Amino acid sequence: MDFTVTLISLITLLALTIPGYILRKFNIVRREMIKELSIILLYVSQPFLLVASFQKVKYETQIMINMGYLMLFTLVCVLIVSAISLTIFSKNFKTNYGNRLLTFASICGNYGFFGIPVLEILFPNTPEVIIYSTSCLLVLNLFSWTLGAYLVSSDKKYISLKKVIINPTVIAVLIAIPLFVTETKMPAQMLKICEYIGNITTPLSMLVLGMRFSEVHFKDIFVNWKNYIAIIIKLLVSPLIMYGLLQIPLPITETARMSLLILMGMPPAIICLTTVECFGREDIKDELARQASTVVIVGTILSTLTIPLITLLP
């Protein structure tokens, strides 16, 4: 991939956040709208996009092989990064919720709300890359509802294996894969509906991200230098580990390989902030939410520089 073309594409994508930033910065929309639009993304547009993407691709055994390897390698990479992060942020780990949050942020990437738009813009007219993103999304679901919930809350009661299995992404995949493998096509009008709804994922994701940008105070960017350690782990260490793993000879296509490498370079996931809002301790929730927002936003901005660098890896 060409560095300059990739950089311009990502800057263009990030420019889509400007309307959301303006709407929220000038209080034209309520803060609650961020959560409401995120729910639409998570429960409606993204699942429809996944189903539509499977429907657009002709079934090949190779695609399922790619998905299997991508899921396995994502899991291995995340486990390695988890060990590194837990070691780096281990000081006073039981009581230092900031370090616990940064461990979570360095592990889980924004494979859905940012990863899918990035893949769509870097691989136009290649719907199978969205299929490959499901491999990372499934691993993200596993970690966010188990390790992530525990790290933020320090309470095992919030670990939910049920939500690992029953969530919009898994349900969409469970619908899409049988249709894909059996080469069963939806009626044309039903597929058109899936496409219409799925197509709002990228602009809506960027709109929500822009609203998130408005929540970060400029001074917060420079308050905690440890935030940048988590961001570096997520943006550079994680893809480099994956690059090393991908040197193992594998029967996967180059498109699948590049998709996975790029996805591993995604910034910290917005679910880090959502998890804090849902499970964080009341006495420190606001402080943790500000830190989570800062890590996600700064990581997203910096990723426009690191992702083009990742694409240069041979």
Protein backbone atom coordinates (compact mmCIF):
# COMPACT_ATOMS: atom_id res chain seq x y z
CA MET A 1 0.00 0.00 0.00
CA ASP A 2 1.14 3.56 -0.73
CA PHE A 3 1.93 5.48 2.49
CA THR A 4 0.68 8.84 1.20
CA VAL A 5 -2.58 7.43 -0.20
CA THR A 6 -3.25 5.56 3.06
CA LEU A 7 -2.50 8.66 5.15
CA ILE A 8 -4.79 10.87 3.07
CA SER A 9 -7.54 8.24 3.22
CA LEU A 10 -7.36 8.08 7.02
CA ILE A 11 -7.28 11.87 7.40
CA THR A 12 -10.35 12.04 5.14
CA LEU A 13 -12.06 9.44 7.31
CA LEU A 14 -11.17 11.35 10.46
CA ALA A 15 -12.59 14.53 8.90
CA LEU A 16 -16.02 12.87 9.09
CA THR A 17 -15.83 13.37 12.86
CA ILE A 18 -16.04 17.17 12.52
CA PRO A 19 -19.88 17.43 12.33
CA GLY A 20 -20.21 15.29 15.47
CA TYR A 21 -17.62 17.40 17.27
CA ILE A 22 -19.44 20.63 16.38
CA LEU A 23 -22.87 19.26 17.32
CA ARG A 24 -21.71 18.24 20.77
CA LYS A 25 -19.21 21.05 21.44
CA PHE A 26 -21.89 23.68 20.95
CA ASN A 27 -24.41 21.58 22.86
CA ILE A 28 -26.70 21.23 19.84
CA VAL A 29 -27.24 17.59 20.82
CA ARG A 30 -27.43 16.15 24.32
CA ARG A 31 -24.58 14.12 25.80
CA GLU A 32 -27.01 11.20 26.10
CA MET A 33 -27.21 11.15 22.29
CA ILE A 34 -23.70 9.65 22.17
CA LYS A 35 -24.84 6.56 24.02
CA GLU A 36 -28.06 6.34 22.02
CA LEU A 37 -26.27 6.51 18.67
CA SER A 38 -23.69 3.98 19.91
CA ILE A 39 -26.55 1.59 20.68
CA ILE A 40 -27.83 2.01 17.11
CA LEU A 41 -24.34 1.23 15.83
CA LEU A 42 -23.87 -1.80 18.04
CA TYR A 43 -27.35 -3.30 17.78
CA VAL A 44 -28.46 -2.27 14.30
CA SER A 45 -26.08 -0.93 11.66
CA GLN A 46 -22.96 -3.01 12.40
CA PRO A 47 -24.82 -6.38 12.55
CA PHE A 48 -26.64 -5.53 9.31
CA LEU A 49 -23.32 -4.58 7.70
CA LEU A 50 -21.79 -7.93 8.70
CA VAL A 51 -24.73 -9.89 7.30
CA ALA A 52 -24.72 -7.87 4.05
CA SER A 53 -20.94 -8.35 3.65
CA PHE A 54 -21.25 -12.14 3.92
CA GLN A 55 -24.05 -12.04 1.35
CA LYS A 56 -21.95 -10.08 -1.16
CA VAL A 57 -19.11 -12.60 -1.17
CA LYS A 58 -19.19 -15.87 -3.08
CA TYR A 59 -18.49 -18.79 -0.76
CA GLU A 60 -14.96 -20.16 -0.82
CA THR A 61 -13.46 -22.60 1.62
CA GLN A 62 -10.38 -20.37 1.72
CA ILE A 63 -12.40 -17.55 3.31
CA MET A 64 -13.46 -19.80 6.19
CA ILE A 65 -9.84 -21.00 6.57
CA ASN A 66 -8.73 -17.35 6.67
CA MET A 67 -11.31 -16.56 9.35
CA GLY A 68 -10.21 -19.48 11.51
CA TYR A 69 -6.53 -18.54 11.39
CA LEU A 70 -7.30 -14.86 11.92
CA MET A 71 -9.32 -15.63 15.04
CA LEU A 72 -6.61 -17.92 16.40
CA PHE A 73 -3.82 -15.42 15.75
CA THR A 74 -5.87 -12.55 17.18
CA LEU A 75 -6.37 -14.56 20.37
CA VAL A 76 -2.65 -15.41 20.61
CA CYS A 77 -1.63 -11.80 19.96
CA VAL A 78 -4.08 -10.46 22.55
CA LEU A 79 -2.81 -12.94 25.14
CA ILE A 80 0.80 -11.88 24.52
CA VAL A 81 -0.13 -8.19 24.74
CA SER A 82 -2.11 -8.92 27.92
CA ALA A 83 0.98 -10.41 29.55
CA ILE A 84 3.08 -7.38 28.54
CA SER A 85 0.48 -4.88 29.74
CA LEU A 86 -0.15 -6.65 33.04
CA THR A 87 3.59 -6.59 33.69
CA ILE A 88 4.01 -2.89 32.82
CA PHE A 89 0.97 -1.70 34.77
CA SER A 90 1.31 -4.13 37.69
CA LYS A 91 2.25 -1.53 40.33
CA ASN A 92 -0.50 -1.32 43.00
CA PHE A 93 -2.70 -3.17 40.52
CA LYS A 94 -5.45 -4.07 42.99
CA THR A 95 -6.16 -0.48 43.97
CA ASN A 96 -4.85 1.52 41.00
CA TYR A 97 -7.88 1.61 38.72
CA GLY A 98 -6.09 3.89 36.27
CA ASN A 99 -3.50 1.17 35.64
CA ARG A 100 -6.26 -1.43 35.36
CA LEU A 101 -8.03 0.71 32.74
CA LEU A 102 -4.81 1.21 30.77
CA THR A 103 -4.23 -2.56 30.76
CA PHE A 104 -7.68 -3.00 29.21
CA ALA A 105 -7.12 -0.16 26.72
CA SER A 106 -3.81 -1.60 25.51
CA ILE A 107 -5.39 -5.00 24.88
CA CYS A 108 -8.65 -4.27 23.07
CA GLY A 109 -8.74 -2.36 19.77
CA ASN A 110 -11.55 -0.49 18.10
CA TYR A 111 -12.09 -3.20 15.48
CA GLY A 112 -15.74 -2.32 14.87
CA PHE A 113 -16.53 1.40 15.08
CA PHE A 114 -13.16 2.44 13.62
CA GLY A 115 -11.69 -0.76 12.21
CA ILE A 116 -14.54 -1.47 9.79
CA PRO A 117 -14.56 2.09 8.34
CA VAL A 118 -10.76 1.92 7.91
CA LEU A 119 -10.95 -1.42 6.10
CA GLU A 120 -13.76 -0.15 3.89
CA ILE A 121 -11.74 2.88 2.83
CA LEU A 122 -8.44 0.98 2.36
CA PHE A 123 -10.00 -2.02 0.59
CA PRO A 124 -12.83 -0.58 -1.54
CA ASN A 125 -15.11 -3.09 -3.25
CA THR A 126 -13.61 -5.91 -1.16
CA PRO A 127 -16.44 -7.00 1.17
CA GLU A 128 -14.53 -10.02 2.47
CA VAL A 129 -12.35 -7.71 4.62
CA ILE A 130 -15.46 -6.94 6.69
CA ILE A 131 -15.91 -10.69 7.11
CA TYR A 132 -12.34 -10.90 8.40
CA SER A 133 -13.04 -8.13 10.91
CA THR A 134 -15.54 -10.44 12.63
CA SER A 135 -12.63 -12.62 13.77
CA CYS A 136 -11.23 -9.71 15.79
CA LEU A 137 -14.68 -8.59 16.95
CA LEU A 138 -15.44 -12.03 18.39
CA VAL A 139 -12.18 -12.02 20.35
CA LEU A 140 -12.91 -8.44 21.51
CA ASN A 141 -16.30 -9.57 22.81
CA LEU A 142 -14.65 -12.40 24.73
CA PHE A 143 -12.16 -10.10 26.46
CA SER A 144 -14.44 -7.10 27.05
CA TRP A 145 -17.14 -9.10 28.88
CA THR A 146 -14.64 -11.06 30.96
CA LEU A 147 -11.22 -9.51 31.61
CA GLY A 148 -12.35 -5.99 30.69
CA ALA A 149 -15.37 -5.98 32.99
CA TYR A 150 -13.25 -7.36 35.84
CA LEU A 151 -10.38 -4.90 35.34
CA VAL A 152 -12.68 -1.88 35.46
CA SER A 153 -14.94 -3.06 38.31
CA SER A 154 -12.63 -5.39 40.30
CA ASP A 155 -15.76 -7.48 40.85
CA LYS A 156 -16.12 -10.94 39.31
CA LYS A 157 -19.92 -10.64 39.32
CA TYR A 158 -19.68 -8.47 36.20
CA ILE A 159 -17.96 -11.21 34.21
CA SER A 160 -20.67 -12.40 31.86
CA LEU A 161 -20.10 -15.49 29.74
CA LYS A 162 -23.72 -15.14 28.62
CA LYS A 163 -22.95 -11.78 27.00
CA VAL A 164 -19.86 -13.26 25.34
CA ILE A 165 -22.22 -15.61 23.49
CA ILE A 166 -25.39 -13.53 23.23
CA ASN A 167 -24.51 -10.15 21.73
CA PRO A 168 -25.23 -8.40 18.40
CA THR A 169 -21.96 -9.39 16.72
CA VAL A 170 -22.23 -13.09 17.55
CA ILE A 171 -25.91 -13.19 16.58
CA ALA A 172 -25.12 -11.52 13.23
CA VAL A 173 -22.33 -14.04 12.56
CA LEU A 174 -24.57 -16.96 13.53
CA ILE A 175 -27.11 -15.76 10.98
CA ALA A 176 -24.60 -14.92 8.26
CA ILE A 177 -22.26 -17.93 8.27
CA PRO A 178 -24.88 -20.68 7.65
CA LEU A 179 -26.29 -18.62 4.76
CA PHE A 180 -22.76 -18.06 3.47
CA VAL A 181 -21.62 -21.69 3.70
CA THR A 182 -24.81 -23.03 2.10
CA GLU A 183 -24.65 -20.27 -0.54
CA THR A 184 -28.18 -19.22 0.37
CA LYS A 185 -28.94 -15.74 -0.88
CA MET A 186 -31.48 -13.47 0.74
CA PRO A 187 -34.31 -12.09 -1.38
CA ALA A 188 -33.04 -9.04 -3.25
CA GLN A 189 -35.21 -6.59 -1.33
CA MET A 190 -34.17 -8.00 2.04
CA LEU A 191 -30.49 -7.73 1.08
CA LYS A 192 -31.09 -4.16 -0.06
CA ILE A 193 -32.49 -3.34 3.38
CA CYS A 194 -29.39 -4.85 5.03
CA GLU A 195 -27.17 -2.80 2.73
CA TYR A 196 -29.05 0.45 3.36
CA ILE A 197 -28.84 0.03 7.13
CA GLY A 198 -25.27 -1.31 7.06
CA ASN A 199 -24.07 1.60 4.93
CA ILE A 200 -24.71 4.08 7.75
CA THR A 201 -22.06 2.35 9.90
CA THR A 202 -19.06 4.37 8.70
CA PRO A 203 -20.60 7.90 8.82
CA LEU A 204 -22.41 7.15 12.07
CA SER A 205 -19.24 5.73 13.66
CA MET A 206 -17.33 8.88 12.77
CA LEU A 207 -20.19 11.10 13.98
CA VAL A 208 -20.14 9.37 17.38
CA LEU A 209 -16.35 9.56 17.51
CA GLY A 210 -16.52 13.30 16.83
CA MET A 211 -18.93 13.69 19.73
CA ARG A 212 -16.47 11.77 21.90
CA PHE A 213 -13.70 14.17 20.79
CA SER A 214 -15.68 17.08 22.22
CA GLU A 215 -15.73 15.44 25.66
CA VAL A 216 -11.93 15.55 26.03
CA HIS A 217 -10.37 18.66 27.59
CA PHE A 218 -7.10 19.75 26.02
CA LYS A 219 -5.26 19.67 29.35
CA ASP A 220 -6.28 16.02 29.88
CA ILE A 221 -4.10 15.03 26.95
CA PHE A 222 -0.95 15.91 28.89
CA VAL A 223 -1.95 14.93 32.44
CA ASN A 224 -1.01 11.25 32.54
CA TRP A 225 2.09 10.10 30.62
CA LYS A 226 1.16 6.46 31.29
CA ASN A 227 -1.74 6.90 28.87
CA TYR A 228 0.83 7.04 26.07
CA ILE A 229 2.39 3.75 27.13
CA ALA A 230 -0.99 2.05 26.63
CA ILE A 231 -1.44 3.84 23.29
CA ILE A 232 2.03 2.80 22.08
CA ILE A 233 1.35 -0.81 23.07
CA LYS A 234 -1.92 -0.76 21.14
CA LEU A 235 -0.80 1.14 18.04
CA LEU A 236 2.72 -0.24 17.57
CA VAL A 237 3.59 -3.18 19.83
CA SER A 238 0.40 -5.12 19.06
CA PRO A 239 0.74 -4.98 15.23
CA LEU A 240 4.46 -5.74 15.44
CA ILE A 241 3.71 -8.86 17.50
CA MET A 242 1.10 -9.83 14.93
CA TYR A 243 3.60 -9.16 12.13
CA GLY A 244 5.99 -11.58 13.81
CA LEU A 245 3.27 -14.22 14.15
CA LEU A 246 2.34 -13.82 10.49
CA GLN A 247 5.86 -14.78 9.46
CA ILE A 248 4.81 -18.35 10.24
CA PRO A 249 3.88 -19.92 6.89
CA LEU A 250 0.09 -19.98 6.74
CA PRO A 251 -2.42 -20.97 4.06
CA ILE A 252 -4.11 -17.54 4.11
CA THR A 253 -4.48 -14.89 1.43
CA GLU A 254 -2.53 -11.63 1.35
CA THR A 255 -5.77 -9.65 1.77
CA ALA A 256 -6.57 -11.57 4.97
CA ARG A 257 -3.01 -11.06 6.23
CA MET A 258 -3.05 -7.29 5.61
CA SER A 259 -6.53 -6.95 7.08
CA LEU A 260 -5.42 -8.60 10.31
CA LEU A 261 -2.22 -6.56 10.51
CA ILE A 262 -4.15 -3.30 10.08
CA LEU A 263 -6.83 -4.34 12.58
CA MET A 264 -4.17 -5.07 15.20
CA GLY A 265 -3.05 -1.44 14.81
CA MET A 266 -6.46 -0.05 15.68
CA PRO A 267 -6.62 2.46 18.58
CA PRO A 268 -8.03 1.53 22.01
CA ALA A 269 -11.68 0.49 21.77
CA ILE A 270 -14.56 2.78 22.69
CA ILE A 271 -15.85 -0.18 24.70
CA CYS A 272 -13.19 0.77 27.30
CA LEU A 273 -15.21 3.90 28.02
CA THR A 274 -18.53 2.08 27.80
CA THR A 275 -17.32 -0.53 30.28
CA VAL A 276 -16.30 2.19 32.73
CA GLU A 277 -19.71 3.84 32.39
CA CYS A 278 -21.46 0.52 33.04
CA PHE A 279 -19.27 -1.14 35.69
CA GLY A 280 -16.93 1.49 37.12
CA ARG A 281 -16.99 2.28 40.84
CA GLU A 282 -19.23 5.28 41.50
CA ASP A 283 -16.60 7.19 43.51
CA ILE A 284 -14.05 7.15 40.66
CA LYS A 285 -16.27 6.62 37.60
CA ASP A 286 -16.04 10.21 36.31
CA GLU A 287 -12.27 10.30 36.63
CA LEU A 288 -11.86 6.93 34.91
CA ALA A 289 -14.30 7.94 32.15
CA ARG A 290 -12.22 11.07 31.42
CA GLN A 291 -9.06 8.96 31.27
CA ALA A 292 -10.73 6.38 29.02
CA SER A 293 -12.00 9.12 26.68
CA THR A 294 -8.53 10.66 26.47
CA VAL A 295 -6.84 7.34 25.66
CA VAL A 296 -9.43 6.46 22.99
CA ILE A 297 -9.39 9.89 21.32
CA VAL A 298 -5.62 10.48 21.39
CA GLY A 299 -5.06 6.89 20.23
CA THR A 300 -7.48 7.38 17.35
CA ILE A 301 -5.79 10.59 16.18
CA LEU A 302 -2.30 9.08 16.40
CA SER A 303 -3.45 5.97 14.54
CA THR A 304 -3.81 8.06 11.38
CA LEU A 305 0.01 8.16 11.41
CA THR A 306 0.80 4.66 12.67
CA ILE A 307 -1.59 2.69 10.42
CA PRO A 308 0.08 4.00 7.21
CA LEU A 309 3.43 2.96 8.74
CA ILE A 310 2.06 -0.53 9.43
CA THR A 311 1.00 -0.90 5.80
CA LEU A 312 4.64 -0.41 4.78
CA LEU A 313 5.73 -3.61 6.55
CA PRO A 314 6.87 -6.13 3.87
